[in-house]
Amino acid sequence: MPSSPTDLVDMTGAEQGGVILHLGDPDRHFWLVRSVARVIGVSLGQAMVEGAIAQEECRRMINRCRTCALVSACEAWLAESGGRADAPPPGCVVSTELNRLKHMMRHEGAH
C-alpha cells in the first residue's frame, strides 16, 4: 500500500470529451474511496497486496471520485452507515469497481 494518499493520486486535471473537469481535493477523495470500500467490506490495501487491484486502477478510482458532484451525500452516507453496508452509496461513480472488488475478495476468501 502506498505510504500516503498522494502516492495514489494523479495531480493533473482530468479531461473528458475535450472538457477539463474540476477535480476535488486528492486527500479527501482518497479517504472517501477508502472509507466507502471499508464500509462495504473491502480493504483496498489488502486488495492491492493480493493483486485484486493494481495501484494504477486504484489511482483511476480516486480520480473518478474527484469528479463526483455527490461528495456531501457520500459523506452523509458514510456517517449514517454505521460502518456497514451492502453496497456503495447511490450514485457512487466508482461503485462498479468497488462491487467487483467486494465480489472478488469474497470469492477468493471462500477458497
Protein backbone atom coordinates (compact mmCIF):
# COMPACT_ATOMS: atom_id res chain seq x y z
CA MET A 1 0.00 0.00 0.00
CA PRO A 2 1.37 3.44 -0.82
CA SER A 3 2.71 5.46 2.10
CA SER A 4 0.45 8.47 1.57
CA PRO A 5 -2.79 9.37 -0.24
CA THR A 6 -0.92 11.48 -2.78
CA ASP A 7 1.08 8.43 -3.87
CA LEU A 8 -2.19 7.19 -5.39
CA VAL A 9 -3.45 10.43 -6.89
CA ASP A 10 -2.79 11.94 -10.27
CA MET A 11 -2.36 15.63 -9.55
CA THR A 12 -3.15 16.71 -13.11
CA GLY A 13 -6.60 17.78 -14.29
CA ALA A 14 -8.96 15.31 -15.90
CA GLU A 15 -10.09 15.75 -19.47
CA GLN A 16 -13.24 14.11 -20.68
CA GLY A 17 -14.55 14.68 -24.18
CA GLY A 18 -12.34 17.73 -24.61
CA VAL A 19 -13.68 19.33 -21.41
CA ILE A 20 -11.40 19.93 -18.44
CA LEU A 21 -13.16 18.73 -15.30
CA HIS A 22 -12.74 20.28 -11.87
CA LEU A 23 -11.17 17.74 -9.57
CA GLY A 24 -11.85 17.71 -5.85
CA ASP A 25 -9.19 17.59 -3.16
CA PRO A 26 -6.99 14.49 -3.68
CA ASP A 27 -6.66 13.63 0.01
CA ARG A 28 -10.38 14.00 0.66
CA HIS A 29 -11.28 11.66 -2.21
CA PHE A 30 -8.58 9.14 -1.28
CA TRP A 31 -10.24 8.86 2.14
CA LEU A 32 -13.75 8.78 0.65
CA VAL A 33 -12.90 5.87 -1.66
CA ARG A 34 -11.06 4.05 1.10
CA SER A 35 -13.90 4.65 3.58
CA VAL A 36 -16.68 3.55 1.22
CA ALA A 37 -14.65 0.44 0.39
CA ARG A 38 -14.17 -0.34 4.07
CA VAL A 39 -17.89 0.11 4.85
CA ILE A 40 -18.82 -2.44 2.17
CA GLY A 41 -16.19 -4.85 3.47
CA VAL A 42 -13.25 -4.18 1.15
CA SER A 43 -9.73 -3.36 2.32
CA LEU A 44 -8.02 -1.56 -0.57
CA GLY A 45 -4.63 -2.26 0.99
CA GLN A 46 -5.34 -5.97 1.22
CA ALA A 47 -6.78 -5.94 -2.32
CA MET A 48 -3.53 -4.44 -3.62
CA VAL A 49 -1.35 -6.88 -1.68
CA GLU A 50 -3.40 -9.80 -3.00
CA GLY A 51 -3.26 -8.49 -6.57
CA ALA A 52 -7.02 -7.92 -6.86
CA ILE A 53 -6.37 -4.30 -7.82
CA ALA A 54 -3.29 -2.58 -9.21
CA GLN A 55 -2.10 0.74 -7.84
CA GLU A 56 -2.91 2.36 -11.21
CA GLU A 57 -6.52 1.14 -11.06
CA CYS A 58 -6.83 2.50 -7.52
CA ARG A 59 -5.44 5.82 -8.77
CA ARG A 60 -8.08 5.91 -11.52
CA MET A 61 -10.85 5.21 -9.00
CA ILE A 62 -9.71 8.08 -6.79
CA ASN A 63 -9.51 10.44 -9.76
CA ARG A 64 -13.02 9.43 -10.88
CA CYS A 65 -14.25 10.09 -7.35
CA ARG A 66 -12.64 13.53 -7.57
CA THR A 67 -15.03 14.39 -10.45
CA CYS A 68 -18.16 13.44 -8.48
CA ALA A 69 -20.70 16.08 -7.50
CA LEU A 70 -22.16 13.93 -4.70
CA VAL A 71 -19.43 14.42 -2.10
CA SER A 72 -21.74 15.75 0.62
CA ALA A 73 -24.20 12.92 0.02
CA CYS A 74 -21.34 10.41 0.19
CA GLU A 75 -20.08 11.86 3.46
CA ALA A 76 -23.61 11.77 4.89
CA TRP A 77 -24.00 8.15 3.74
CA LEU A 78 -20.73 7.25 5.46
CA ALA A 79 -21.85 8.96 8.67
CA GLU A 80 -25.21 7.16 8.63
CA SER A 81 -23.93 3.75 7.52
CA GLY A 82 -22.91 2.63 10.97
CA GLY A 83 -19.72 1.26 9.43
CA ARG A 84 -21.52 -1.44 7.41
CA ALA A 85 -23.40 -1.52 4.13
CA ASP A 86 -24.04 -3.99 1.35
CA ALA A 87 -23.19 -1.59 -1.48
CA PRO A 88 -21.70 1.86 -2.10
CA PRO A 89 -23.99 4.89 -1.81
CA PRO A 90 -26.47 5.65 -4.61
CA GLY A 91 -24.81 7.48 -7.48
CA CYS A 92 -21.26 6.48 -6.49
CA VAL A 93 -19.06 6.90 -9.57
CA VAL A 94 -16.78 4.03 -8.52
CA SER A 95 -19.49 1.62 -7.34
CA THR A 96 -18.86 -0.79 -10.21
CA GLU A 97 -15.20 -1.13 -9.30
CA LEU A 98 -15.88 -1.39 -5.57
CA ASN A 99 -18.59 -4.02 -6.05
CA ARG A 100 -16.26 -6.00 -8.33
CA LEU A 101 -13.56 -5.91 -5.66
CA LYS A 102 -16.06 -6.94 -2.98
CA HIS A 103 -17.16 -9.91 -5.05
CA MET A 104 -13.57 -10.84 -5.95
CA MET A 105 -12.32 -10.63 -2.37
CA ARG A 106 -15.24 -12.70 -1.04
CA HIS A 107 -14.79 -15.28 -3.78
CA GLU A 108 -11.05 -15.60 -3.11
CA GLY A 109 -11.66 -15.72 0.66
CA ALA A 110 -14.07 -18.67 0.22
CA HIS A 111 -11.30 -20.92 -1.09
